[in-house]
Amino acid sequence: MKRTWTGEEKEAILKDVEKPGIVIGCRKHGIYAKT
């Protein structure tokens, strides 16, 4: 699923991501995006 991230979401996602460049995930919101 692709979507546009807000600044706050990006910060949370960057802190939460385990495999940068493969899966960006924010478990708090249950949203994921492949890059």
N, C-alpha and C. Protein backbone atom coordinates (compact mmCIF):
# COMPACT_ATOMS: atom_id res chain seq x y z
N MET A 1 0.85 -1.19 0.00
CA MET A 1 0.00 0.00 0.00
C MET A 1 0.89 1.24 0.00
N LYS A 2 0.63 2.11 -0.93
CA LYS A 2 1.40 3.35 -0.98
C LYS A 2 0.54 4.50 -0.51
N ARG A 3 1.16 5.42 0.21
CA ARG A 3 0.47 6.62 0.67
C ARG A 3 1.50 7.70 0.95
N THR A 4 1.02 8.89 1.22
CA THR A 4 1.91 9.99 1.54
C THR A 4 2.06 10.09 3.05
N TRP A 5 3.28 10.22 3.50
CA TRP A 5 3.54 10.29 4.94
C TRP A 5 3.64 11.75 5.37
N THR A 6 3.13 12.04 6.55
CA THR A 6 3.31 13.37 7.13
C THR A 6 4.64 13.40 7.86
N GLY A 7 5.08 14.58 8.23
CA GLY A 7 6.36 14.70 8.93
C GLY A 7 6.40 13.89 10.21
N GLU A 8 5.33 13.96 11.01
CA GLU A 8 5.30 13.22 12.27
C GLU A 8 5.31 11.72 12.01
N GLU A 9 4.58 11.28 10.99
CA GLU A 9 4.56 9.86 10.65
C GLU A 9 5.95 9.40 10.23
N LYS A 10 6.63 10.22 9.42
CA LYS A 10 7.96 9.83 8.96
C LYS A 10 8.91 9.65 10.14
N GLU A 11 8.83 10.55 11.12
CA GLU A 11 9.71 10.43 12.29
C GLU A 11 9.43 9.14 13.04
N ALA A 12 8.15 8.84 13.24
CA ALA A 12 7.77 7.63 13.95
C ALA A 12 8.18 6.39 13.16
N ILE A 13 8.01 6.46 11.85
CA ILE A 13 8.34 5.33 10.98
C ILE A 13 9.85 5.10 10.98
N LEU A 14 10.63 6.16 10.88
CA LEU A 14 12.08 6.00 10.85
C LEU A 14 12.58 5.38 12.14
N LYS A 15 11.91 5.69 13.26
CA LYS A 15 12.30 5.11 14.54
C LYS A 15 11.87 3.66 14.63
N ASP A 16 10.81 3.31 13.92
CA ASP A 16 10.19 2.00 14.05
C ASP A 16 10.69 1.00 13.01
N VAL A 17 11.25 1.50 11.92
CA VAL A 17 11.60 0.63 10.80
C VAL A 17 12.76 -0.30 11.17
N GLU A 18 12.66 -1.55 10.73
CA GLU A 18 13.71 -2.52 11.01
C GLU A 18 14.56 -2.80 9.79
N LYS A 19 13.98 -2.71 8.59
CA LYS A 19 14.72 -2.97 7.36
C LYS A 19 14.55 -1.78 6.42
N PRO A 20 15.35 -0.72 6.59
CA PRO A 20 15.23 0.48 5.77
C PRO A 20 15.34 0.16 4.29
N GLY A 21 14.47 0.77 3.49
CA GLY A 21 14.52 0.59 2.05
C GLY A 21 13.73 -0.61 1.58
N ILE A 22 13.31 -1.46 2.51
CA ILE A 22 12.52 -2.63 2.12
C ILE A 22 11.08 -2.44 2.60
N VAL A 23 10.92 -2.28 3.88
CA VAL A 23 9.58 -2.09 4.42
C VAL A 23 9.60 -0.93 5.39
N ILE A 24 8.71 0.03 5.17
CA ILE A 24 8.53 1.11 6.13
C ILE A 24 7.23 0.82 6.85
N GLY A 25 7.29 0.67 8.14
CA GLY A 25 6.09 0.31 8.88
C GLY A 25 5.94 1.13 10.14
N CYS A 26 4.71 1.47 10.43
CA CYS A 26 4.41 2.13 11.69
C CYS A 26 3.39 1.26 12.40
N ARG A 27 3.87 0.45 13.33
CA ARG A 27 2.99 -0.52 13.98
C ARG A 27 1.87 0.17 14.74
N LYS A 28 2.13 1.37 15.22
CA LYS A 28 1.10 2.08 15.99
C LYS A 28 -0.15 2.31 15.16
N HIS A 29 0.04 2.60 13.86
CA HIS A 29 -1.09 2.88 12.99
C HIS A 29 -1.45 1.69 12.12
N GLY A 30 -0.60 0.66 12.16
CA GLY A 30 -0.88 -0.54 11.37
C GLY A 30 -0.79 -0.29 9.88
N ILE A 31 0.12 0.59 9.47
CA ILE A 31 0.27 0.90 8.05
C ILE A 31 1.68 0.56 7.59
N TYR A 32 1.79 0.05 6.37
CA TYR A 32 3.08 -0.36 5.84
C TYR A 32 3.20 0.09 4.38
N ALA A 33 4.43 0.30 3.94
CA ALA A 33 4.65 0.67 2.55
C ALA A 33 5.98 0.11 2.08
N LYS A 34 5.97 -0.54 0.94
CA LYS A 34 7.22 -1.01 0.34
C LYS A 34 7.83 0.11 -0.47
N THR A 35 9.15 0.26 -0.37
CA THR A 35 9.83 1.32 -1.11
C THR A 35 10.59 0.75 -2.28
